[in-house]
PDB file of N, CA and C in Angstrom:
ATOM      1  N   GLN A   1      57.571 122.716  40.070  1.00  0.00           N
ATOM      2  CA  GLN A   1      58.177 123.659  39.152  1.00  0.00           C
ATOM      3  C   GLN A   1      59.546 124.084  39.690  1.00  0.00           C
ATOM      4  N   VAL A   2      60.541 124.039  38.834  1.00  0.00           N
ATOM      5  CA  VAL A   2      61.882 124.429  39.216  1.00  0.00           C
ATOM      6  C   VAL A   2      62.547 125.140  38.033  1.00  0.00           C
ATOM      7  N   GLN A   3      63.313 126.168  38.336  1.00  0.00           N
ATOM      8  CA  GLN A   3      64.098 126.871  37.335  1.00  0.00           C
ATOM      9  C   GLN A   3      65.576 126.642  37.612  1.00  0.00           C
ATOM     10  N   LEU A   4      66.337 126.431  36.551  1.00  0.00           N
ATOM     11  CA  LEU A   4      67.740 126.070  36.662  1.00  0.00           C
ATOM     12  C   LEU A   4      68.608 127.067  35.912  1.00  0.00           C
ATOM     13  N   VAL A   5      69.712 127.462  36.527  1.00  0.00           N
ATOM     14  CA  VAL A   5      70.657 128.384  35.909  1.00  0.00           C
ATOM     15  C   VAL A   5      72.060 127.822  36.057  1.00  0.00           C
ATOM     16  N   GLU A   6      72.689 127.516  34.920  1.00  0.00           N
ATOM     17  CA  GLU A   6      74.061 127.015  34.923  1.00  0.00           C
ATOM     18  C   GLU A   6      75.051 128.171  34.892  1.00  0.00           C
ATOM     19  N   SER A   7      76.227 127.929  35.445  1.00  0.00           N
ATOM     20  CA  SER A   7      77.303 128.897  35.395  1.00  0.00           C
ATOM     21  C   SER A   7      78.635 128.166  35.515  1.00  0.00           C
ATOM     22  N   GLY A   8      79.711 128.869  35.216  1.00  0.00           N
ATOM     23  CA  GLY A   8      81.043 128.323  35.389  1.00  0.00           C
ATOM     24  C   GLY A   8      81.734 127.890  34.116  1.00  0.00           C
ATOM     25  N   GLY A   9      81.051 127.962  32.996  1.00  0.00           N
ATOM     26  CA  GLY A   9      81.675 127.592  31.742  1.00  0.00           C
ATOM     27  C   GLY A   9      82.702 128.615  31.300  1.00  0.00           C
ATOM     28  N   GLY A  10      83.472 128.242  30.298  1.00  0.00           N
ATOM     29  CA  GLY A  10      84.483 129.141  29.783  1.00  0.00           C
ATOM     30  C   GLY A  10      85.484 128.419  28.921  1.00  0.00           C
ATOM     31  N   LEU A  11      86.584 129.096  28.657  1.00  0.00           N
ATOM     32  CA  LEU A  11      87.664 128.567  27.835  1.00  0.00           C
ATOM     33  C   LEU A  11      88.775 128.029  28.730  1.00  0.00           C
ATOM     34  N   VAL A  12      89.218 126.820  28.440  1.00  0.00           N
ATOM     35  CA  VAL A  12      90.271 126.197  29.221  1.00  0.00           C
ATOM     36  C   VAL A  12      91.169 125.388  28.295  1.00  0.00           C
ATOM     37  N   GLN A  13      92.436 125.293  28.644  1.00  0.00           N
ATOM     38  CA  GLN A  13      93.377 124.505  27.858  1.00  0.00           C
ATOM     39  C   GLN A  13      93.223 123.016  28.143  1.00  0.00           C
ATOM     40  N   PRO A  14      93.586 122.175  27.187  1.00  0.00           N
ATOM     41  CA  PRO A  14      93.573 120.736  27.454  1.00  0.00           C
ATOM     42  C   PRO A  14      94.367 120.403  28.709  1.00  0.00           C
ATOM     43  N   GLY A  15      93.808 119.507  29.512  1.00  0.00           N
ATOM     44  CA  GLY A  15      94.416 119.147  30.774  1.00  0.00           C
ATOM     45  C   GLY A  15      93.979 120.010  31.937  1.00  0.00           C
ATOM     46  N   GLY A  16      93.270 121.075  31.655  1.00  0.00           N
ATOM     47  CA  GLY A  16      92.821 121.978  32.691  1.00  0.00           C
ATOM     48  C   GLY A  16      91.554 121.508  33.374  1.00  0.00           C
ATOM     49  N   SER A  17      91.047 122.352  34.266  1.00  0.00           N
ATOM     50  CA  SER A  17      89.874 122.021  35.069  1.00  0.00           C
ATOM     51  C   SER A  17      88.867 123.156  35.063  1.00  0.00           C
ATOM     52  N   LEU A  18      87.614 122.801  35.230  1.00  0.00           N
ATOM     53  CA  LEU A  18      86.521 123.742  35.405  1.00  0.00           C
ATOM     54  C   LEU A  18      85.506 123.133  36.352  1.00  0.00           C
ATOM     55  N   ARG A  19      84.808 123.993  37.060  1.00  0.00           N
ATOM     56  CA  ARG A  19      83.709 123.556  37.896  1.00  0.00           C
ATOM     57  C   ARG A  19      82.435 124.267  37.485  1.00  0.00           C
ATOM     58  N   LEU A  20      81.464 123.501  37.050  1.00  0.00           N
ATOM     59  CA  LEU A  20      80.171 124.036  36.670  1.00  0.00           C
ATOM     60  C   LEU A  20      79.216 123.985  37.854  1.00  0.00           C
ATOM     61  N   SER A  21      78.346 124.973  37.927  1.00  0.00           N
ATOM     62  CA  SER A  21      77.328 125.019  38.954  1.00  0.00           C
ATOM     63  C   SER A  21      75.959 125.146  38.314  1.00  0.00           C
ATOM     64  N   CYS A  22      74.976 124.581  38.959  1.00  0.00           N
ATOM     65  CA  CYS A  22      73.588 124.694  38.533  1.00  0.00           C
ATOM     66  C   CYS A  22      72.764 125.049  39.745  1.00  0.00           C
ATOM     67  N   ALA A  23      72.252 126.268  39.763  1.00  0.00           N
ATOM     68  CA  ALA A  23      71.453 126.752  40.876  1.00  0.00           C
ATOM     69  C   ALA A  23      69.975 126.589  40.560  1.00  0.00           C
ATOM     70  N   ALA A  24      69.248 126.011  41.482  1.00  0.00           N
ATOM     71  CA  ALA A  24      67.827 125.747  41.299  1.00  0.00           C
ATOM     72  C   ALA A  24      66.998 126.669  42.178  1.00  0.00           C
ATOM     73  N   SER A  25      65.919 127.159  41.627  1.00  0.00           N
ATOM     74  CA  SER A  25      64.945 127.922  42.393  1.00  0.00           C
ATOM     75  C   SER A  25      63.624 127.170  42.389  1.00  0.00           C
ATOM     76  N   GLY A  26      62.904 127.293  43.480  1.00  0.00           N
ATOM     77  CA  GLY A  26      61.674 126.550  43.633  1.00  0.00           C
ATOM     78  C   GLY A  26      61.789 125.579  44.795  1.00  0.00           C
ATOM     79  N   SER A  27      60.688 125.016  45.156  1.00  0.00           N
ATOM     80  CA  SER A  27      60.652 124.129  46.306  1.00  0.00           C
ATOM     81  C   SER A  27      60.930 122.688  45.899  1.00  0.00           C
ATOM     82  N   GLY A  28      61.319 121.903  46.871  1.00  0.00           N
ATOM     83  CA  GLY A  28      61.458 120.478  46.674  1.00  0.00           C
ATOM     84  C   GLY A  28      62.708 120.025  45.945  1.00  0.00           C
ATOM     85  N   PHE A  29      63.793 120.796  46.028  1.00  0.00           N
ATOM     86  CA  PHE A  29      65.010 120.454  45.305  1.00  0.00           C
ATOM     87  C   PHE A  29      65.491 119.045  45.626  1.00  0.00           C
ATOM     88  N   SER A  30      65.435 118.669  46.883  1.00  0.00           N
ATOM     89  CA  SER A  30      65.953 117.371  47.288  1.00  0.00           C
ATOM     90  C   SER A  30      65.172 116.205  46.698  1.00  0.00           C
ATOM     91  N   LEU A  31      63.992 116.460  46.174  1.00  0.00           N
ATOM     92  CA  LEU A  31      63.178 115.416  45.580  1.00  0.00           C
ATOM     93  C   LEU A  31      63.557 115.126  44.132  1.00  0.00           C
ATOM     94  N   TYR A  32      64.362 115.977  43.541  1.00  0.00           N
ATOM     95  CA  TYR A  32      64.726 115.841  42.136  1.00  0.00           C
ATOM     96  C   TYR A  32      66.011 115.041  41.962  1.00  0.00           C
ATOM     97  N   ALA A  33      66.012 114.170  40.970  1.00  0.00           N
ATOM     98  CA  ALA A  33      67.258 113.646  40.457  1.00  0.00           C
ATOM     99  C   ALA A  33      67.864 114.703  39.544  1.00  0.00           C
ATOM    100  N   MET A  34      69.167 114.913  39.657  1.00  0.00           N
ATOM    101  CA  MET A  34      69.837 115.945  38.891  1.00  0.00           C
ATOM    102  C   MET A  34      70.846 115.322  37.943  1.00  0.00           C
ATOM    103  N   ALA A  35      71.028 115.962  36.811  1.00  0.00           N
ATOM    104  CA  ALA A  35      71.942 115.422  35.810  1.00  0.00           C
ATOM    105  C   ALA A  35      72.587 116.539  35.016  1.00  0.00           C
ATOM    106  N   TRP A  36      73.747 116.230  34.469  1.00  0.00           N
ATOM    107  CA  TRP A  36      74.416 117.085  33.500  1.00  0.00           C
ATOM    108  C   TRP A  36      74.427 116.393  32.148  1.00  0.00           C
ATOM    109  N   TYR A  37      74.045 117.123  31.125  1.00  0.00           N
ATOM    110  CA  TYR A  37      74.129 116.696  29.745  1.00  0.00           C
ATOM    111  C   TYR A  37      75.043 117.651  28.990  1.00  0.00           C
ATOM    112  N   ARG A  38      75.484 117.233  27.819  1.00  0.00           N
ATOM    113  CA  ARG A  38      76.232 118.133  26.960  1.00  0.00           C
ATOM    114  C   ARG A  38      75.875 117.882  25.508  1.00  0.00           C
ATOM    115  N   GLN A  39      76.043 118.914  24.701  1.00  0.00           N
ATOM    116  CA  GLN A  39      75.739 118.819  23.289  1.00  0.00           C
ATOM    117  C   GLN A  39      76.709 119.670  22.490  1.00  0.00           C
ATOM    118  N   ALA A  40      77.406 119.027  21.581  1.00  0.00           N
ATOM    119  CA  ALA A  40      78.286 119.713  20.651  1.00  0.00           C
ATOM    120  C   ALA A  40      77.539 119.947  19.347  1.00  0.00           C
ATOM    121  N   PRO A  41      77.928 120.955  18.570  1.00  0.00           N
ATOM    122  CA  PRO A  41      77.238 121.231  17.298  1.00  0.00           C
ATOM    123  C   PRO A  41      77.203 120.004  16.399  1.00  0.00           C
ATOM    124  N   GLY A  42      76.021 119.707  15.876  1.00  0.00           N
ATOM    125  CA  GLY A  42      75.858 118.584  14.974  1.00  0.00           C
ATOM    126  C   GLY A  42      75.809 117.231  15.640  1.00  0.00           C
ATOM    127  N   LYS A  43      75.855 117.199  16.961  1.00  0.00           N
ATOM    128  CA  LYS A  43      75.833 115.939  17.676  1.00  0.00           C
ATOM    129  C   LYS A  43      74.612 115.857  18.586  1.00  0.00           C
ATOM    130  N   GLN A  44      74.271 114.637  18.949  1.00  0.00           N
ATOM    131  CA  GLN A  44      73.165 114.425  19.868  1.00  0.00           C
ATOM    132  C   GLN A  44      73.542 114.851  21.277  1.00  0.00           C
ATOM    133  N   ARG A  45      72.548 115.289  22.015  1.00  0.00           N
ATOM    134  CA  ARG A  45      72.776 115.572  23.417  1.00  0.00           C
ATOM    135  C   ARG A  45      73.035 114.265  24.157  1.00  0.00           C
ATOM    136  N   GLU A  46      74.054 114.265  24.987  1.00  0.00           N
ATOM    137  CA  GLU A  46      74.422 113.053  25.693  1.00  0.00           C
ATOM    138  C   GLU A  46      74.458 113.277  27.192  1.00  0.00           C
ATOM    139  N   LEU A  47      74.105 112.238  27.903  1.00  0.00           N
ATOM    140  CA  LEU A  47      74.167 112.271  29.356  1.00  0.00           C
ATOM    141  C   LEU A  47      75.612 112.183  29.805  1.00  0.00           C
ATOM    142  N   VAL A  48      76.002 113.089  30.685  1.00  0.00           N
ATOM    143  CA  VAL A  48      77.357 113.120  31.220  1.00  0.00           C
ATOM    144  C   VAL A  48      77.409 112.478  32.596  1.00  0.00           C
ATOM    145  N   ALA A  49      76.518 112.898  33.479  1.00  0.00           N
ATOM    146  CA  ALA A  49      76.521 112.402  34.849  1.00  0.00           C
ATOM    147  C   ALA A  49      75.157 112.618  35.464  1.00  0.00           C
ATOM    148  N   VAL A  50      74.801 111.770  36.410  1.00  0.00           N
ATOM    149  CA  VAL A  50      73.533 111.883  37.103  1.00  0.00           C
ATOM    150  C   VAL A  50      73.748 111.616  38.578  1.00  0.00           C
ATOM    151  N   ILE A  51      72.977 112.299  39.398  1.00  0.00           N
ATOM    152  CA  ILE A  51      73.041 112.089  40.833  1.00  0.00           C
ATOM    153  C   ILE A  51      71.628 112.070  41.392  1.00  0.00           C
ATOM    154  N   GLY A  52      71.363 111.079  42.227  1.00  0.00           N
ATOM    155  CA  GLY A  52      70.092 110.997  42.912  1.00  0.00           C
ATOM    156  C   GLY A  52      70.180 111.637  44.276  1.00  0.00           C
ATOM    157  N   ASN A  53      69.303 111.229  45.137  1.00  0.00           N
ATOM    158  CA  ASN A  53      69.303 111.717  46.508  1.00  0.00           C
ATOM    159  C   ASN A  53      69.075 110.541  47.441  1.00  0.00           C
ATOM    160  N   PRO A  54      70.071 110.216  48.267  1.00  0.00           N
ATOM    161  CA  PRO A  54      71.125 111.141  48.680  1.00  0.00           C
ATOM    162  C   PRO A  54      72.246 111.386  47.674  1.00  0.00           C
ATOM    163  N   GLY A  55      72.923 110.327  47.198  1.00  0.00           N
ATOM    164  CA  GLY A  55      74.060 110.636  46.357  1.00  0.00           C
ATOM    165  C   GLY A  55      74.524 109.550  45.409  1.00  0.00           C
ATOM    166  N   MET A  56      73.632 108.680  44.994  1.00  0.00           N
ATOM    167  CA  MET A  56      74.004 107.704  43.985  1.00  0.00           C
ATOM    168  C   MET A  56      74.368 108.414  42.697  1.00  0.00           C
ATOM    169  N   THR A  57      75.478 108.033  42.093  1.00  0.00           N
ATOM    170  CA  THR A  57      75.954 108.702  40.891  1.00  0.00           C
ATOM    171  C   THR A  57      76.243 107.704  39.784  1.00  0.00           C
ATOM    172  N   ASN A  58      76.127 108.181  38.549  1.00  0.00           N
ATOM    173  CA  ASN A  58      76.508 107.428  37.369  1.00  0.00           C
ATOM    174  C   ASN A  58      77.135 108.384  36.373  1.00  0.00           C
ATOM    175  N   TYR A  59      78.092 107.867  35.603  1.00  0.00           N
ATOM    176  CA  TYR A  59      78.841 108.687  34.665  1.00  0.00           C
ATOM    177  C   TYR A  59      78.928 108.021  33.304  1.00  0.00           C
ATOM    178  N   ALA A  60      78.992 108.857  32.279  1.00  0.00           N
ATOM    179  CA  ALA A  60      79.311 108.347  30.960  1.00  0.00           C
ATOM    180  C   ALA A  60      80.739 107.808  30.958  1.00  0.00           C
ATOM    181  N   ASP A  61      80.969 106.759  30.193  1.00  0.00           N
ATOM    182  CA  ASP A  61      82.306 106.173  30.140  1.00  0.00           C
ATOM    183  C   ASP A  61      83.360 107.193  29.708  1.00  0.00           C
ATOM    184  N   SER A  62      82.971 108.128  28.866  1.00  0.00           N
ATOM    185  CA  SER A  62      83.913 109.096  28.333  1.00  0.00           C
ATOM    186  C   SER A  62      84.437 110.074  29.380  1.00  0.00           C
ATOM    187  N   VAL A  63      83.733 110.209  30.496  1.00  0.00           N
ATOM    188  CA  VAL A  63      84.145 111.165  31.524  1.00  0.00           C
ATOM    189  C   VAL A  63      84.478 110.506  32.855  1.00  0.00           C
ATOM    190  N   LYS A  64      84.221 109.228  32.967  1.00  0.00           N
ATOM    191  CA  LYS A  64      84.440 108.531  34.227  1.00  0.00           C
ATOM    192  C   LYS A  64      85.901 108.635  34.650  1.00  0.00           C
ATOM    193  N   GLY A  65      86.106 108.999  35.897  1.00  0.00           N
ATOM    194  CA  GLY A  65      87.444 109.191  36.417  1.00  0.00           C
ATOM    195  C   GLY A  65      87.962 110.602  36.265  1.00  0.00           C
ATOM    196  N   ARG A  66      87.302 111.410  35.446  1.00  0.00           N
ATOM    197  CA  ARG A  66      87.716 112.791  35.232  1.00  0.00           C
ATOM    198  C   ARG A  66      86.715 113.800  35.784  1.00  0.00           C
ATOM    199  N   PHE A  67      85.426 113.452  35.734  1.00  0.00           N
ATOM    200  CA  PHE A  67      84.368 114.355  36.180  1.00  0.00           C
ATOM    201  C   PHE A  67      83.752 113.824  37.466  1.00  0.00           C
ATOM    202  N   THR A  68      83.292 114.738  38.305  1.00  0.00           N
ATOM    203  CA  THR A  68      82.593 114.379  39.527  1.00  0.00           C
ATOM    204  C   THR A  68      81.346 115.240  39.674  1.00  0.00           C
ATOM    205  N   ILE A  69      80.202 114.589  39.837  1.00  0.00           N
ATOM    206  CA  ILE A  69      78.959 115.303  40.083  1.00  0.00           C
ATOM    207  C   ILE A  69      78.665 115.263  41.576  1.00  0.00           C
ATOM    208  N   SER A  70      78.155 116.365  42.095  1.00  0.00           N
ATOM    209  CA  SER A  70      77.796 116.434  43.502  1.00  0.00           C
ATOM    210  C   SER A  70      76.629 117.394  43.669  1.00  0.00           C
ATOM    211  N   ARG A  71      75.999 117.346  44.826  1.00  0.00           N
ATOM    212  CA  ARG A  71      74.890 118.255  45.085  1.00  0.00           C
ATOM    213  C   ARG A  71      74.938 118.728  46.524  1.00  0.00           C
ATOM    214  N   ASP A  72      74.441 119.931  46.730  1.00  0.00           N
ATOM    215  CA  ASP A  72      74.308 120.514  48.045  1.00  0.00           C
ATOM    216  C   ASP A  72      72.849 120.918  48.187  1.00  0.00           C
ATOM    217  N   ASN A  73      72.078 120.088  48.852  1.00  0.00           N
ATOM    218  CA  ASN A  73      70.642 120.341  48.954  1.00  0.00           C
ATOM    219  C   ASN A  73      70.328 121.599  49.758  1.00  0.00           C
ATOM    220  N   ALA A  74      71.190 121.943  50.707  1.00  0.00           N
ATOM    221  CA  ALA A  74      70.984 123.155  51.486  1.00  0.00           C
ATOM    222  C   ALA A  74      71.117 124.401  50.627  1.00  0.00           C
ATOM    223  N   LYS A  75      71.902 124.319  49.563  1.00  0.00           N
ATOM    224  CA  LYS A  75      72.107 125.445  48.658  1.00  0.00           C
ATOM    225  C   LYS A  75      71.332 125.309  47.356  1.00  0.00           C
ATOM    226  N   ASN A  76      70.567 124.246  47.221  1.00  0.00           N
ATOM    227  CA  ASN A  76      69.805 123.999  45.994  1.00  0.00           C
ATOM    228  C   ASN A  76      70.705 124.060  44.757  1.00  0.00           C
ATOM    229  N   THR A  77      71.846 123.408  44.847  1.00  0.00           N
ATOM    230  CA  THR A  77      72.846 123.513  43.794  1.00  0.00           C
ATOM    231  C   THR A  77      73.451 122.149  43.489  1.00  0.00           C
ATOM    232  N   VAL A  78      73.674 121.904  42.208  1.00  0.00           N
ATOM    233  CA  VAL A  78      74.399 120.726  41.762  1.00  0.00           C
ATOM    234  C   VAL A  78      75.651 121.197  41.036  1.00  0.00           C
ATOM    235  N   TYR A  79      76.731 120.429  41.162  1.00  0.00           N
ATOM    236  CA  TYR A  79      78.016 120.804  40.612  1.00  0.00           C
ATOM    237  C   TYR A  79      78.531 119.724  39.675  1.00  0.00           C
ATOM    238  N   LEU A  80      79.376 120.138  38.757  1.00  0.00           N
ATOM    239  CA  LEU A  80      80.128 119.211  37.940  1.00  0.00           C
ATOM    240  C   LEU A  80      81.579 119.659  37.936  1.00  0.00           C
ATOM    241  N   GLN A  81      82.409 118.935  38.654  1.00  0.00           N
ATOM    242  CA  GLN A  81      83.839 119.203  38.684  1.00  0.00           C
ATOM    243  C   GLN A  81      84.487 118.449  37.539  1.00  0.00           C
ATOM    244  N   MET A  82      85.138 119.172  36.651  1.00  0.00           N
ATOM    245  CA  MET A  82      85.742 118.593  35.468  1.00  0.00           C
ATOM    246  C   MET A  82      87.252 118.793  35.523  1.00  0.00           C
ATOM    247  N   SER A  83      87.988 117.729  35.339  1.00  0.00           N
ATOM    248  CA  SER A  83      89.435 117.796  35.314  1.00  0.00           C
ATOM    249  C   SER A  83      89.960 117.017  34.119  1.00  0.00           C
ATOM    250  N   SER A  84      91.250 117.201  33.847  1.00  0.00           N
ATOM    251  CA  SER A  84      91.886 116.544  32.701  1.00  0.00           C
ATOM    252  C   SER A  84      91.066 116.735  31.433  1.00  0.00           C
ATOM    253  N   LEU A  85      90.657 117.959  31.208  1.00  0.00           N
ATOM    254  CA  LEU A  85      89.755 118.248  30.100  1.00  0.00           C
ATOM    255  C   LEU A  85      90.426 118.017  28.753  1.00  0.00           C
ATOM    256  N   LYS A  86      89.619 117.547  27.814  1.00  0.00           N
ATOM    257  CA  LYS A  86      90.062 117.231  26.470  1.00  0.00           C
ATOM    258  C   LYS A  86      89.279 118.068  25.466  1.00  0.00           C
ATOM    259  N   PRO A  87      89.834 118.289  24.277  1.00  0.00           N
ATOM    260  CA  PRO A  87      89.082 119.040  23.264  1.00  0.00           C
ATOM    261  C   PRO A  87      87.707 118.452  22.975  1.00  0.00           C
ATOM    262  N   GLU A  88      87.571 117.145  23.047  1.00  0.00           N
ATOM    263  CA  GLU A  88      86.283 116.522  22.791  1.00  0.00           C
ATOM    264  C   GLU A  88      85.256 116.771  23.884  1.00  0.00           C
ATOM    265  N   ASP A  89      85.665 117.389  24.982  1.00  0.00           N
ATOM    266  CA  ASP A  89      84.725 117.808  26.010  1.00  0.00           C
ATOM    267  C   ASP A  89      84.030 119.122  25.654  1.00  0.00           C
ATOM    268  N   THR A  90      84.477 119.765  24.601  1.00  0.00           N
ATOM    269  CA  THR A  90      83.882 121.025  24.178  1.00  0.00           C
ATOM    270  C   THR A  90      82.417 120.826  23.814  1.00  0.00           C
ATOM    271  N   ALA A  91      81.547 121.585  24.454  1.00  0.00           N
ATOM    272  CA  ALA A  91      80.109 121.450  24.240  1.00  0.00           C
ATOM    273  C   ALA A  91      79.386 122.483  25.081  1.00  0.00           C
ATOM    274  N   VAL A  92      78.095 122.603  24.836  1.00  0.00           N
ATOM    275  CA  VAL A  92      77.229 123.314  25.756  1.00  0.00           C
ATOM    276  C   VAL A  92      76.760 122.315  26.796  1.00  0.00           C
ATOM    277  N   TYR A  93      76.944 122.655  28.044  1.00  0.00           N
ATOM    278  CA  TYR A  93      76.568 121.774  29.137  1.00  0.00           C
ATOM    279  C   TYR A  93      75.256 122.243  29.748  1.00  0.00           C
ATOM    280  N   TYR A  94      74.340 121.303  29.910  1.00  0.00           N
ATOM    281  CA  TYR A  94      73.005 121.591  30.410  1.00  0.00           C
ATOM    282  C   TYR A  94      72.741 120.851  31.705  1.00  0.00           C
ATOM    283  N   CYS A  95      72.074 121.520  32.595  1.00  0.00           N
ATOM    284  CA  CYS A  95      71.617 120.928  33.835  1.00  0.00           C
ATOM    285  C   CYS A  95      70.169 120.493  33.682  1.00  0.00           C
ATOM    286  N   LYS A  96      69.833 119.347  34.226  1.00  0.00           N
ATOM    287  CA  LYS A  96      68.466 118.845  34.164  1.00  0.00           C
ATOM    288  C   LYS A  96      68.016 118.360  35.528  1.00  0.00           C
ATOM    289  N   ALA A  97      66.799 118.718  35.880  1.00  0.00           N
ATOM    290  CA  ALA A  97      66.144 118.214  37.078  1.00  0.00           C
ATOM    291  C   ALA A  97      64.989 117.329  36.667  1.00  0.00           C
ATOM    292  N   SER A  98      64.863 116.193  37.317  1.00  0.00           N
ATOM    293  CA  SER A  98      63.812 115.240  36.967  1.00  0.00           C
ATOM    294  C   SER A  98      63.062 114.815  38.214  1.00  0.00           C
ATOM    295  N   ARG A  99      61.759 114.830  38.093  1.00  0.00           N
ATOM    296  CA  ARG A  99      60.900 114.359  39.176  1.00  0.00           C
ATOM    297  C   ARG A  99      59.637 113.769  38.579  1.00  0.00           C
ATOM    298  N   LEU A 100      59.339 112.561  38.989  1.00  0.00           N
ATOM    299  CA  LEU A 100      58.188 111.839  38.453  1.00  0.00           C
ATOM    300  C   LEU A 100      58.309 111.803  36.928  1.00  0.00           C
ATOM    301  N   SER A 101      57.321 112.309  36.221  1.00  0.00           N
ATOM    302  CA  SER A 101      57.326 112.241  34.768  1.00  0.00           C
ATOM    303  C   SER A 101      57.790 113.530  34.091  1.00  0.00           C
ATOM    304  N   ARG A 102      58.303 114.488  34.847  1.00  0.00           N
ATOM    305  CA  ARG A 102      58.649 115.784  34.279  1.00  0.00           C
ATOM    306  C   ARG A 102      60.146 116.067  34.355  1.00  0.00           C
ATOM    307  N   ASP A 103      60.648 116.697  33.309  1.00  0.00           N
ATOM    308  CA  ASP A 103      62.030 117.140  33.223  1.00  0.00           C
ATOM    309  C   ASP A 103      62.077 118.657  33.097  1.00  0.00           C
ATOM    310  N   TYR A 104      63.084 119.257  33.717  1.00  0.00           N
ATOM    311  CA  TYR A 104      63.303 120.695  33.645  1.00  0.00           C
ATOM    312  C   TYR A 104      64.752 120.941  33.251  1.00  0.00           C
ATOM    313  N   TRP A 105      64.955 121.886  32.334  1.00  0.00           N
ATOM    314  CA  TRP A 105      66.276 122.143  31.774  1.00  0.00           C
ATOM    315  C   TRP A 105      66.739 123.562  32.034  1.00  0.00           C
ATOM    316  N   GLY A 106      68.029 123.711  32.251  1.00  0.00           N
ATOM    317  CA  GLY A 106      68.637 125.019  32.296  1.00  0.00           C
ATOM    318  C   GLY A 106      68.950 125.522  30.898  1.00  0.00           C
ATOM    319  N   GLN A 107      69.524 126.717  30.820  1.00  0.00           N
ATOM    320  CA  GLN A 107      69.785 127.350  29.532  1.00  0.00           C
ATOM    321  C   GLN A 107      71.092 126.896  28.896  1.00  0.00           C
ATOM    322  N   GLY A 108      71.944 126.274  29.661  1.00  0.00           N
ATOM    323  CA  GLY A 108      73.220 125.788  29.169  1.00  0.00           C
ATOM    324  C   GLY A 108      74.357 126.764  29.404  1.00  0.00           C
ATOM    325  N   THR A 109      75.555 126.225  29.500  1.00  0.00           N
ATOM    326  CA  THR A 109      76.758 127.033  29.621  1.00  0.00           C
ATOM    327  C   THR A 109      77.842 126.429  28.728  1.00  0.00           C
ATOM    328  N   GLN A 110      78.545 127.287  28.004  1.00  0.00           N
ATOM    329  CA  GLN A 110      79.525 126.832  27.026  1.00  0.00           C
ATOM    330  C   GLN A 110      80.845 126.473  27.691  1.00  0.00           C
ATOM    331  N   VAL A 111      81.345 125.297  27.353  1.00  0.00           N
ATOM    332  CA  VAL A 111      82.683 124.873  27.758  1.00  0.00           C
ATOM    333  C   VAL A 111      83.499 124.645  26.498  1.00  0.00           C
ATOM    334  N   THR A 112      84.616 125.342  26.388  1.00  0.00           N
ATOM    335  CA  THR A 112      85.501 125.197  25.243  1.00  0.00           C
ATOM    336  C   THR A 112      86.884 124.793  25.724  1.00  0.00           C
ATOM    337  N   VAL A 113      87.370 123.668  25.227  1.00  0.00           N
ATOM    338  CA  VAL A 113      88.688 123.158  25.583  1.00  0.00           C
ATOM    339  C   VAL A 113      89.565 123.260  24.342  1.00  0.00           C
ATOM    340  N   SER A 114      90.520 124.151  24.389  1.00  0.00           N
ATOM    341  CA  SER A 114      91.341 124.415  23.221  1.00  0.00           C
ATOM    342  C   SER A 114      92.674 125.013  23.635  1.00  0.00           C
ATOM    343  N   SER A 115      93.704 124.689  22.880  1.00  0.00           N
ATOM    344  CA  SER A 115      95.010 125.280  23.083  1.00  0.00           C
ATOM    345  C   SER A 115      95.238 126.467  22.160  1.00  0.00           C
TER     346      SER A 115
END
């Protein structure tokens, strides 16, 4: 069992940067694969980035080269560093922890990219 809380969202201009954090509570954080998803109104939720343990990563083509996912197991936290933000990055961003056959989701944090 793990609980996830995202933070760091907000309003940013195109070309700007934001860093999202996802803090996990519960035991066994290092055993979970962690991922960031996003969902815009009227659109399907899409995978943005995933990180295993130790640190294998994969990214959606739309964010590759602009976003970086990382984790700090000592702090039970996963991060998403976002740069060169575009209006199409606007969405609610969700953190997900996965272990065996179970998925756990955070509440989401809003990212709005607008001039």
